Amino acid sequence: MGQGWSWSGFADYLFNPYILNGALTTLWLTLASIAGGLVVGCALALARLSRHRWLVAPAHFYIWVFRGTPLLVQLIIIYTGLPQLGLKMSVIESALLGLILNEAAYLAEVVRGGIQSVPVGQTNAARAMGFSSAQSMRYIVMPQAMRLIIPTLGNSINGLLKTTSITSVISMEELLRRTQVLIQEKFMVLELFIVAAIYYLLMTTAWDFIQRRIERHYGRAYRNGTTAADAPVVADAVLEQR
């Protein structure tokens, strides 16, 4: 079966449970990594925006390191290097930690950029109306920042769906790793790689559909004519509910 293209082999593995489970692993690995990365990334973004240098400097150093080194190197250090220091983790734990730490560095800059895109006057006006820092961030800044954050965040998720394939180097049983295992057994290189490509394409296409709906939701107010200048009106409405 190693000679030429095999339609029967392609069809057999297109719906193979072993490959399908690998795709599901890729999916949950992406969702878990983006969730963890977003939590850490938001914390880093707020630290970067802080007036306290003891918060700014470590956050800046973290982002510099994880954006400046390859994810592949980071995964190898976590999986094979940390055990030499007495910190041993499983393949799943290592993969999740590496993806979360790496993604957080990029998402931190996305969130920071979104927050900084909102005019400072919006925050000052909210504070003048009696909002706390947390309330002004929640009700005034973030709703406006999300319109810019969502598209980039969506692209990050799309990219992460494919980036999870790098975890195969530490034997994470995701889609690419399982494809490689079958190739070693069945010697159907082209057929199995195309099957894997189809699964990746299906997942990224499905996410693209979801992303467009989310973008329309957060851009709805702007299509209806609402702009940043309407933030004081929003603040009044929030104050009435307090």
Protein backbone atom coordinates (compact mmCIF):
# COMPACT_ATOMS: atom_id res chain seq x y z
CA MET A 1 0.00 0.00 0.00
CA GLY A 2 3.04 2.24 0.12
CA GLN A 3 3.06 2.57 -3.70
CA GLY A 4 0.82 5.26 -5.23
CA TRP A 5 -2.40 6.71 -3.93
CA SER A 6 -4.93 4.47 -2.19
CA TRP A 7 -8.52 5.71 -2.27
CA SER A 8 -9.64 2.84 -0.05
CA GLY A 9 -6.97 3.67 2.53
CA PHE A 10 -7.92 7.34 2.43
CA ALA A 11 -11.61 6.50 2.93
CA ASP A 12 -10.88 4.05 5.74
CA TYR A 13 -8.97 6.61 7.80
CA LEU A 14 -11.15 9.62 7.03
CA PHE A 15 -13.55 8.50 9.78
CA ASN A 16 -11.13 6.40 11.80
CA PRO A 17 -11.87 6.61 15.57
CA TYR A 18 -8.16 6.79 16.39
CA ILE A 19 -7.73 9.87 14.18
CA LEU A 20 -11.04 11.37 15.36
CA ASN A 21 -9.98 11.09 19.00
CA GLY A 22 -6.75 12.84 18.10
CA ALA A 23 -8.78 15.70 16.58
CA LEU A 24 -10.89 15.92 19.75
CA THR A 25 -7.68 16.08 21.79
CA THR A 26 -6.49 18.93 19.59
CA LEU A 27 -9.80 20.71 20.18
CA TRP A 28 -9.86 20.48 23.97
CA LEU A 29 -6.15 21.27 24.15
CA THR A 30 -6.82 24.46 22.17
CA LEU A 31 -9.77 25.49 24.34
CA ALA A 32 -7.95 24.82 27.60
CA SER A 33 -4.83 26.63 26.42
CA ILE A 34 -6.69 29.70 25.18
CA ALA A 35 -8.70 29.89 28.42
CA GLY A 36 -5.60 29.63 30.58
CA GLY A 37 -3.64 31.94 28.31
CA LEU A 38 -6.38 34.56 28.44
CA VAL A 39 -6.45 34.53 32.26
CA VAL A 40 -2.67 34.86 32.52
CA GLY A 41 -2.59 37.29 29.60
CA CYS A 42 -5.15 39.63 31.20
CA ALA A 43 -3.12 39.65 34.41
CA LEU A 44 0.04 40.45 32.45
CA ALA A 45 -1.74 43.20 30.49
CA LEU A 46 -2.97 44.86 33.67
CA ALA A 47 0.53 44.57 35.14
CA ARG A 48 1.99 46.23 32.04
CA LEU A 49 -0.52 49.07 32.42
CA SER A 50 0.18 49.49 36.13
CA ARG A 51 1.88 52.58 37.53
CA HIS A 52 4.04 50.36 39.73
CA ARG A 53 7.36 49.41 38.20
CA TRP A 54 7.60 46.28 40.34
CA LEU A 55 4.62 44.98 38.33
CA VAL A 56 5.59 46.41 34.94
CA ALA A 57 9.15 45.07 34.84
CA PRO A 58 8.39 41.36 35.53
CA ALA A 59 5.45 41.39 33.10
CA HIS A 60 7.58 42.99 30.40
CA PHE A 61 10.37 40.44 31.01
CA TYR A 62 7.92 37.53 30.81
CA ILE A 63 6.46 38.73 27.51
CA TRP A 64 9.94 39.39 26.11
CA VAL A 65 11.12 35.86 26.94
CA PHE A 66 8.09 33.90 25.75
CA ARG A 67 7.56 35.93 22.58
CA GLY A 68 11.27 35.83 21.78
CA THR A 69 11.82 32.08 22.03
CA PRO A 70 10.22 29.27 19.97
CA LEU A 71 7.35 27.30 21.48
CA LEU A 72 9.19 24.11 20.51
CA VAL A 73 12.15 25.07 22.70
CA GLN A 74 9.85 26.02 25.57
CA LEU A 75 8.05 22.67 25.43
CA ILE A 76 11.32 20.73 25.44
CA ILE A 77 12.61 22.73 28.40
CA ILE A 78 9.38 22.13 30.34
CA TYR A 79 9.17 18.42 29.52
CA THR A 80 12.83 17.39 29.67
CA GLY A 81 14.56 20.24 31.48
CA LEU A 82 12.36 20.83 34.52
CA PRO A 83 12.59 17.17 35.69
CA GLN A 84 16.33 17.75 36.13
CA LEU A 85 15.36 20.40 38.69
CA GLY A 86 13.01 18.01 40.46
CA LEU A 87 9.80 19.17 38.76
CA LYS A 88 8.42 16.29 36.70
CA MET A 89 5.15 16.62 34.79
CA SER A 90 3.17 14.33 32.52
CA VAL A 91 2.96 14.88 28.78
CA ILE A 92 -0.50 16.47 29.08
CA GLU A 93 0.60 18.77 31.91
CA SER A 94 3.72 19.80 30.00
CA ALA A 95 1.79 20.47 26.80
CA LEU A 96 -0.86 22.54 28.58
CA LEU A 97 1.68 24.52 30.58
CA GLY A 98 3.80 25.27 27.52
CA LEU A 99 0.86 26.35 25.38
CA ILE A 100 -0.70 28.48 28.14
CA LEU A 101 2.53 30.27 29.03
CA ASN A 102 3.36 30.92 25.39
CA GLU A 103 -0.12 32.06 24.40
CA ALA A 104 -0.38 34.33 27.45
CA ALA A 105 2.55 36.42 26.24
CA TYR A 106 0.79 37.18 22.95
CA LEU A 107 -2.68 37.65 24.42
CA ALA A 108 -1.27 40.08 26.99
CA GLU A 109 -0.26 42.44 24.19
CA VAL A 110 -3.62 41.97 22.47
CA VAL A 111 -5.52 42.89 25.63
CA ARG A 112 -3.17 45.77 26.45
CA GLY A 113 -3.55 47.18 22.96
CA GLY A 114 -7.33 46.96 23.17
CA ILE A 115 -7.45 48.73 26.52
CA GLN A 116 -5.09 51.46 25.39
CA SER A 117 -7.21 52.08 22.30
CA VAL A 118 -9.96 53.48 24.52
CA PRO A 119 -9.43 57.22 25.08
CA VAL A 120 -8.21 58.09 28.58
CA GLY A 121 -11.03 60.60 28.82
CA GLN A 122 -13.50 57.72 28.99
CA THR A 123 -11.90 56.43 32.19
CA ASN A 124 -11.57 59.92 33.67
CA ALA A 125 -15.25 60.63 32.98
CA ALA A 126 -16.27 57.35 34.62
CA ARG A 127 -14.16 58.09 37.70
CA ALA A 128 -15.65 61.59 37.91
CA MET A 129 -19.11 60.01 37.97
CA GLY A 130 -18.21 57.87 40.96
CA PHE A 131 -17.05 54.66 39.30
CA SER A 132 -14.27 52.69 40.93
CA SER A 133 -11.31 51.57 38.82
CA ALA A 134 -12.77 48.08 38.53
CA GLN A 135 -16.21 49.39 37.57
CA SER A 136 -14.88 51.78 34.94
CA MET A 137 -12.82 48.94 33.48
CA ARG A 138 -15.82 46.58 33.43
CA TYR A 139 -18.55 48.91 32.22
CA ILE A 140 -16.74 51.55 30.16
CA VAL A 141 -13.31 50.42 28.96
CA MET A 142 -13.69 46.69 28.24
CA PRO A 143 -16.95 46.88 26.23
CA GLN A 144 -15.21 49.28 23.85
CA ALA A 145 -11.88 47.43 23.91
CA MET A 146 -13.53 44.09 23.11
CA ARG A 147 -14.44 45.32 19.64
CA LEU A 148 -10.71 45.44 18.84
CA ILE A 149 -9.65 42.50 21.00
CA ILE A 150 -12.11 39.94 19.59
CA PRO A 151 -10.79 39.76 15.99
CA THR A 152 -7.18 39.29 17.11
CA LEU A 153 -8.21 36.85 19.82
CA GLY A 154 -10.16 34.88 17.23
CA ASN A 155 -7.12 34.72 14.99
CA SER A 156 -5.08 33.48 17.95
CA ILE A 157 -7.52 30.64 18.51
CA ASN A 158 -7.40 29.76 14.83
CA GLY A 159 -3.62 29.70 14.95
CA LEU A 160 -3.55 27.73 18.19
CA LEU A 161 -5.65 24.96 16.65
CA LYS A 162 -2.73 24.35 14.29
CA THR A 163 0.04 25.21 16.75
CA THR A 164 -1.00 22.36 19.06
CA SER A 165 0.62 20.05 16.51
CA ILE A 166 4.00 21.13 17.93
CA THR A 167 3.19 19.22 21.14
CA SER A 168 3.65 16.03 19.14
CA VAL A 169 7.40 16.40 19.76
CA ILE A 170 6.82 15.50 23.41
CA SER A 171 4.47 12.63 22.40
CA MET A 172 1.20 14.44 23.10
CA GLU A 173 -1.52 12.25 21.59
CA GLU A 174 -3.12 14.95 19.45
CA LEU A 175 -4.10 14.83 15.78
CA LEU A 176 -0.65 15.10 14.20
CA ARG A 177 0.96 12.62 16.61
CA ARG A 178 -1.70 10.00 15.95
CA THR A 179 -1.37 10.59 12.22
CA GLN A 180 2.38 9.99 12.45
CA VAL A 181 1.84 6.78 14.43
CA LEU A 182 -0.48 5.41 11.75
CA ILE A 183 1.94 6.42 9.00
CA GLN A 184 4.67 4.38 10.68
CA GLU A 185 2.34 1.39 10.78
CA LYS A 186 0.54 1.66 7.44
CA PHE A 187 3.09 3.54 5.27
CA MET A 188 0.31 5.67 3.74
CA VAL A 189 2.02 9.04 4.06
CA LEU A 190 0.06 11.21 1.65
CA GLU A 191 -3.34 9.69 2.44
CA LEU A 192 -3.01 10.13 6.20
CA PHE A 193 -1.52 13.61 6.07
CA ILE A 194 -4.39 14.72 3.83
CA VAL A 195 -6.87 13.23 6.30
CA ALA A 196 -5.17 15.22 9.08
CA ALA A 197 -5.26 18.36 6.92
CA ILE A 198 -8.99 17.90 6.35
CA TYR A 199 -9.61 17.68 10.09
CA TYR A 200 -7.57 20.82 10.74
CA LEU A 201 -9.44 22.60 7.95
CA LEU A 202 -12.82 21.57 9.36
CA MET A 203 -11.93 22.81 12.84
CA THR A 204 -10.54 26.15 11.67
CA THR A 205 -13.52 26.68 9.34
CA ALA A 206 -15.98 25.98 12.15
CA TRP A 207 -14.14 28.44 14.38
CA ASP A 208 -14.12 31.05 11.61
CA PHE A 209 -17.92 30.83 11.51
CA ILE A 210 -18.15 31.25 15.30
CA GLN A 211 -15.69 34.13 15.26
CA ARG A 212 -17.71 36.06 12.69
CA ARG A 213 -20.83 35.75 14.83
CA ILE A 214 -18.96 36.97 17.92
CA GLU A 215 -17.52 39.92 16.00
CA ARG A 216 -20.99 40.87 14.76
CA HIS A 217 -22.28 40.74 18.34
CA TYR A 218 -19.62 43.12 19.71
CA GLY A 219 -19.81 45.38 16.67
CA ARG A 220 -23.59 45.67 16.80
CA ALA A 221 -23.62 48.88 18.83
CA TYR A 222 -21.25 50.56 16.38
CA ARG A 223 -23.37 49.53 13.40
CA ASN A 224 -26.36 51.08 15.17
CA GLY A 225 -24.51 54.37 15.47
CA THR A 226 -23.17 54.04 19.03
CA THR A 227 -19.63 55.40 19.41
CA ALA A 228 -17.12 55.93 22.16
CA ALA A 229 -18.66 59.32 22.78
CA ASP A 230 -21.78 57.56 24.08
CA ALA A 231 -19.91 56.09 27.05
CA PRO A 232 -21.23 58.75 29.51
CA VAL A 233 -24.76 57.67 28.57
CA VAL A 234 -23.81 54.08 29.37
CA ALA A 235 -22.32 55.24 32.64
CA ASP A 236 -25.58 56.98 33.59
CA ALA A 237 -27.51 53.81 32.87
CA VAL A 238 -25.17 51.77 35.02
CA LEU A 239 -25.36 54.26 37.87
CA GLU A 240 -29.14 54.05 37.84
CA GLN A 241 -28.92 50.31 38.31
CA ARG A 242 -26.57 50.55 41.28
